[in-house]
Amino acid sequence: MRRPFKISLAVLALLLLTAGAGLLVLRTAWFREKLRQRVIAELENATGGRVEITRVRFNVPHWRGRLEGLTIYGSEEPGQPPLLHAAALEVDLKVVS
């Protein structure tokens, strides 16, 4: 009877440690840079243009993202304004299964 309890307790402690470590990683500069690179790659793939993003912020508790300095270049000539420029863009994320 004691052995299953100890195993369950160990598994629960491991899950809590993993969740805590995951939350800490979500707040690091390394994660923000990886997220910025991924967003740029996805936007370039979707638009076919070149994308620049100055900074990405991610609010973990509210699942809200903020892109700062978003610029999308299309097929415009040099010297013309870009296809899209936004000083900041906020998105609310939702997990759909």
N, C-alpha and C. Protein backbone atom coordinates (compact mmCIF):
# COMPACT_ATOMS: atom_id res chain seq x y z
N MET A 1 0.83 -1.20 0.00
CA MET A 1 0.00 0.00 0.00
C MET A 1 0.87 1.26 0.00
N ARG A 2 2.02 1.22 0.66
CA ARG A 2 2.87 2.40 0.73
C ARG A 2 3.60 2.66 -0.59
N ARG A 3 3.95 1.60 -1.28
CA ARG A 3 4.73 1.76 -2.51
C ARG A 3 3.97 2.53 -3.59
N PRO A 4 2.71 2.19 -3.90
CA PRO A 4 1.97 2.98 -4.90
C PRO A 4 1.83 4.45 -4.49
N PHE A 5 1.66 4.70 -3.21
CA PHE A 5 1.55 6.08 -2.73
C PHE A 5 2.85 6.84 -2.98
N LYS A 6 3.98 6.23 -2.69
CA LYS A 6 5.27 6.88 -2.89
C LYS A 6 5.53 7.13 -4.38
N ILE A 7 5.15 6.17 -5.21
CA ILE A 7 5.33 6.33 -6.65
C ILE A 7 4.44 7.46 -7.17
N SER A 8 3.20 7.51 -6.70
CA SER A 8 2.29 8.58 -7.11
C SER A 8 2.81 9.94 -6.66
N LEU A 9 3.33 10.00 -5.45
CA LEU A 9 3.88 11.24 -4.93
C LEU A 9 5.10 11.69 -5.74
N ALA A 10 5.95 10.74 -6.11
CA ALA A 10 7.14 11.06 -6.92
C ALA A 10 6.74 11.57 -8.31
N VAL A 11 5.74 10.93 -8.91
CA VAL A 11 5.27 11.36 -10.24
C VAL A 11 4.67 12.76 -10.15
N LEU A 12 3.89 13.03 -9.11
CA LEU A 12 3.30 14.35 -8.93
C LEU A 12 4.38 15.41 -8.74
N ALA A 13 5.40 15.11 -7.93
CA ALA A 13 6.50 16.05 -7.72
C ALA A 13 7.24 16.30 -9.03
N LEU A 14 7.46 15.27 -9.83
CA LEU A 14 8.13 15.44 -11.11
C LEU A 14 7.31 16.30 -12.06
N LEU A 15 6.00 16.10 -12.09
CA LEU A 15 5.13 16.92 -12.93
C LEU A 15 5.16 18.39 -12.50
N LEU A 16 5.13 18.63 -11.21
CA LEU A 16 5.18 20.01 -10.71
C LEU A 16 6.51 20.67 -11.04
N LEU A 17 7.61 19.94 -10.89
CA LEU A 17 8.92 20.49 -11.25
C LEU A 17 9.02 20.79 -12.74
N THR A 18 8.49 19.90 -13.56
CA THR A 18 8.51 20.12 -15.01
C THR A 18 7.67 21.33 -15.39
N ALA A 19 6.50 21.47 -14.80
CA ALA A 19 5.65 22.63 -15.09
C ALA A 19 6.33 23.92 -14.64
N GLY A 20 6.95 23.90 -13.47
CA GLY A 20 7.66 25.09 -12.98
C GLY A 20 8.81 25.46 -13.89
N ALA A 21 9.57 24.46 -14.33
CA ALA A 21 10.69 24.73 -15.24
C ALA A 21 10.18 25.29 -16.56
N GLY A 22 9.06 24.75 -17.05
CA GLY A 22 8.47 25.24 -18.29
C GLY A 22 8.06 26.70 -18.18
N LEU A 23 7.46 27.08 -17.06
CA LEU A 23 7.07 28.47 -16.86
C LEU A 23 8.28 29.39 -16.78
N LEU A 24 9.35 28.92 -16.18
CA LEU A 24 10.57 29.73 -16.12
C LEU A 24 11.18 29.93 -17.50
N VAL A 25 11.16 28.87 -18.32
CA VAL A 25 11.71 28.97 -19.68
C VAL A 25 10.91 29.96 -20.52
N LEU A 26 9.58 29.98 -20.34
CA LEU A 26 8.73 30.88 -21.11
C LEU A 26 9.04 32.35 -20.84
N ARG A 27 9.73 32.65 -19.77
CA ARG A 27 10.04 34.03 -19.41
C ARG A 27 11.46 34.45 -19.77
N THR A 28 12.22 33.59 -20.44
CA THR A 28 13.62 33.89 -20.73
C THR A 28 13.77 34.63 -22.07
N ALA A 29 14.90 35.30 -22.21
CA ALA A 29 15.23 35.99 -23.47
C ALA A 29 15.44 34.96 -24.58
N TRP A 30 15.99 33.81 -24.24
CA TRP A 30 16.20 32.75 -25.23
C TRP A 30 14.87 32.34 -25.86
N PHE A 31 13.83 32.14 -25.05
CA PHE A 31 12.52 31.76 -25.57
C PHE A 31 11.93 32.86 -26.44
N ARG A 32 12.06 34.12 -25.99
CA ARG A 32 11.52 35.24 -26.78
C ARG A 32 12.19 35.32 -28.15
N GLU A 33 13.50 35.08 -28.20
CA GLU A 33 14.21 35.12 -29.49
C GLU A 33 13.78 33.96 -30.38
N LYS A 34 13.63 32.77 -29.82
CA LYS A 34 13.15 31.61 -30.59
C LYS A 34 11.73 31.87 -31.11
N LEU A 35 10.90 32.46 -30.26
CA LEU A 35 9.53 32.79 -30.67
C LEU A 35 9.54 33.83 -31.78
N ARG A 36 10.39 34.85 -31.68
CA ARG A 36 10.50 35.88 -32.70
C ARG A 36 10.91 35.27 -34.04
N GLN A 37 11.92 34.39 -34.01
CA GLN A 37 12.38 33.73 -35.24
C GLN A 37 11.28 32.88 -35.86
N ARG A 38 10.51 32.19 -35.03
CA ARG A 38 9.44 31.33 -35.54
C ARG A 38 8.31 32.15 -36.15
N VAL A 39 7.94 33.26 -35.48
CA VAL A 39 6.88 34.13 -36.00
C VAL A 39 7.32 34.72 -37.34
N ILE A 40 8.57 35.16 -37.44
CA ILE A 40 9.08 35.71 -38.69
C ILE A 40 9.00 34.65 -39.79
N ALA A 41 9.45 33.43 -39.51
CA ALA A 41 9.42 32.36 -40.51
C ALA A 41 7.99 32.06 -40.96
N GLU A 42 7.06 32.00 -40.03
CA GLU A 42 5.67 31.70 -40.39
C GLU A 42 5.04 32.83 -41.20
N LEU A 43 5.32 34.09 -40.83
CA LEU A 43 4.78 35.22 -41.59
C LEU A 43 5.39 35.30 -42.99
N GLU A 44 6.68 35.02 -43.10
CA GLU A 44 7.31 35.02 -44.42
C GLU A 44 6.74 33.91 -45.29
N ASN A 45 6.48 32.76 -44.70
CA ASN A 45 5.88 31.66 -45.45
C ASN A 45 4.46 32.00 -45.88
N ALA A 46 3.70 32.65 -45.02
CA ALA A 46 2.30 32.98 -45.33
C ALA A 46 2.18 34.10 -46.34
N THR A 47 3.08 35.10 -46.28
CA THR A 47 2.94 36.26 -47.15
C THR A 47 3.82 36.19 -48.39
N GLY A 48 4.88 35.42 -48.34
CA GLY A 48 5.81 35.37 -49.45
C GLY A 48 6.75 36.56 -49.49
N GLY A 49 6.68 37.41 -48.48
CA GLY A 49 7.54 38.59 -48.42
C GLY A 49 8.60 38.44 -47.34
N ARG A 50 9.31 39.53 -47.12
CA ARG A 50 10.33 39.57 -46.07
C ARG A 50 9.74 40.26 -44.86
N VAL A 51 9.99 39.73 -43.66
CA VAL A 51 9.39 40.22 -42.44
C VAL A 51 10.47 40.62 -41.45
N GLU A 52 10.26 41.76 -40.79
CA GLU A 52 11.13 42.19 -39.70
C GLU A 52 10.26 42.41 -38.46
N ILE A 53 10.77 41.97 -37.32
CA ILE A 53 10.10 42.20 -36.04
C ILE A 53 11.17 42.64 -35.06
N THR A 54 10.94 43.79 -34.41
CA THR A 54 11.91 44.31 -33.46
C THR A 54 11.90 43.51 -32.17
N ARG A 55 10.71 43.29 -31.62
CA ARG A 55 10.62 42.60 -30.33
C ARG A 55 9.32 41.82 -30.22
N VAL A 56 9.40 40.68 -29.55
CA VAL A 56 8.22 39.87 -29.26
C VAL A 56 8.08 39.75 -27.76
N ARG A 57 6.89 40.01 -27.27
CA ARG A 57 6.59 39.82 -25.85
C ARG A 57 5.48 38.79 -25.75
N PHE A 58 5.56 37.96 -24.72
CA PHE A 58 4.54 36.93 -24.52
C PHE A 58 4.12 36.95 -23.06
N ASN A 59 2.85 37.24 -22.81
CA ASN A 59 2.29 37.27 -21.47
C ASN A 59 1.72 35.89 -21.18
N VAL A 60 2.47 35.11 -20.40
CA VAL A 60 2.12 33.71 -20.17
C VAL A 60 0.76 33.53 -19.49
N PRO A 61 0.47 34.22 -18.37
CA PRO A 61 -0.82 33.95 -17.71
C PRO A 61 -2.04 34.29 -18.55
N HIS A 62 -1.95 35.28 -19.42
CA HIS A 62 -3.10 35.70 -20.22
C HIS A 62 -3.06 35.19 -21.66
N TRP A 63 -2.00 34.45 -22.03
CA TRP A 63 -1.82 33.94 -23.39
C TRP A 63 -1.99 35.07 -24.41
N ARG A 64 -1.25 36.14 -24.19
CA ARG A 64 -1.32 37.31 -25.06
C ARG A 64 0.08 37.57 -25.61
N GLY A 65 0.15 37.80 -26.91
CA GLY A 65 1.42 38.12 -27.55
C GLY A 65 1.42 39.54 -28.08
N ARG A 66 2.59 40.17 -28.08
CA ARG A 66 2.73 41.53 -28.61
C ARG A 66 3.95 41.55 -29.51
N LEU A 67 3.72 41.95 -30.76
CA LEU A 67 4.80 42.12 -31.72
C LEU A 67 5.07 43.60 -31.85
N GLU A 68 6.30 44.00 -31.67
CA GLU A 68 6.66 45.42 -31.78
C GLU A 68 7.57 45.60 -32.99
N GLY A 69 7.34 46.65 -33.73
CA GLY A 69 8.15 46.95 -34.91
C GLY A 69 7.96 45.94 -36.03
N LEU A 70 6.71 45.57 -36.31
CA LEU A 70 6.41 44.60 -37.36
C LEU A 70 6.40 45.30 -38.72
N THR A 71 7.23 44.81 -39.64
CA THR A 71 7.28 45.34 -41.00
C THR A 71 7.28 44.17 -41.97
N ILE A 72 6.37 44.22 -42.95
CA ILE A 72 6.30 43.19 -43.99
C ILE A 72 6.58 43.86 -45.33
N TYR A 73 7.60 43.38 -46.01
CA TYR A 73 7.97 43.89 -47.33
C TYR A 73 7.44 42.93 -48.38
N GLY A 74 6.78 43.48 -49.39
CA GLY A 74 6.26 42.69 -50.49
C GLY A 74 7.15 42.86 -51.71
N SER A 75 6.55 43.15 -52.84
CA SER A 75 7.31 43.29 -54.09
C SER A 75 7.48 44.76 -54.49
N GLU A 76 7.40 45.67 -53.51
CA GLU A 76 7.53 47.09 -53.82
C GLU A 76 8.98 47.42 -54.21
N GLU A 77 9.11 48.50 -54.94
CA GLU A 77 10.42 48.97 -55.39
C GLU A 77 11.19 49.57 -54.21
N PRO A 78 12.52 49.60 -54.30
CA PRO A 78 13.30 50.27 -53.25
C PRO A 78 12.91 51.74 -53.15
N GLY A 79 12.80 52.23 -51.94
CA GLY A 79 12.40 53.61 -51.72
C GLY A 79 10.91 53.78 -51.48
N GLN A 80 10.11 52.78 -51.83
CA GLN A 80 8.67 52.84 -51.58
C GLN A 80 8.38 52.32 -50.18
N PRO A 81 7.26 52.74 -49.60
CA PRO A 81 6.92 52.24 -48.26
C PRO A 81 6.65 50.74 -48.29
N PRO A 82 6.84 50.07 -47.16
CA PRO A 82 6.61 48.62 -47.12
C PRO A 82 5.13 48.28 -47.26
N LEU A 83 4.87 47.04 -47.53
CA LEU A 83 3.50 46.55 -47.67
C LEU A 83 2.71 46.78 -46.39
N LEU A 84 3.34 46.53 -45.24
CA LEU A 84 2.68 46.73 -43.95
C LEU A 84 3.72 47.12 -42.91
N HIS A 85 3.40 48.13 -42.12
CA HIS A 85 4.23 48.46 -40.96
C HIS A 85 3.31 48.77 -39.79
N ALA A 86 3.58 48.11 -38.68
CA ALA A 86 2.80 48.36 -37.46
C ALA A 86 3.77 48.57 -36.32
N ALA A 87 3.60 49.66 -35.59
CA ALA A 87 4.47 49.92 -34.44
C ALA A 87 4.29 48.82 -33.40
N ALA A 88 3.07 48.36 -33.21
CA ALA A 88 2.80 47.27 -32.28
C ALA A 88 1.54 46.53 -32.72
N LEU A 89 1.53 45.24 -32.47
CA LEU A 89 0.39 44.39 -32.80
C LEU A 89 0.19 43.42 -31.65
N GLU A 90 -1.01 43.39 -31.08
CA GLU A 90 -1.30 42.48 -29.97
C GLU A 90 -2.25 41.40 -30.43
N VAL A 91 -1.98 40.18 -29.99
CA VAL A 91 -2.83 39.05 -30.34
C VAL A 91 -3.14 38.26 -29.07
N ASP A 92 -4.37 37.80 -28.96
CA ASP A 92 -4.76 36.90 -27.89
C ASP A 92 -4.76 35.48 -28.46
N LEU A 93 -4.10 34.58 -27.77
CA LEU A 93 -3.97 33.21 -28.24
C LEU A 93 -4.96 32.31 -27.52
N LYS A 94 -5.44 31.29 -28.25
CA LYS A 94 -6.37 30.34 -27.66
C LYS A 94 -6.00 28.96 -28.19
N VAL A 95 -5.93 28.00 -27.29
CA VAL A 95 -5.62 26.62 -27.68
C VAL A 95 -6.91 25.96 -28.09
N VAL A 96 -6.93 25.45 -29.32
CA VAL A 96 -8.10 24.74 -29.83
C VAL A 96 -7.67 23.31 -30.10
N SER A 97 -8.32 22.37 -29.46
CA SER A 97 -7.94 20.97 -29.67
C SER A 97 -8.88 20.28 -30.62
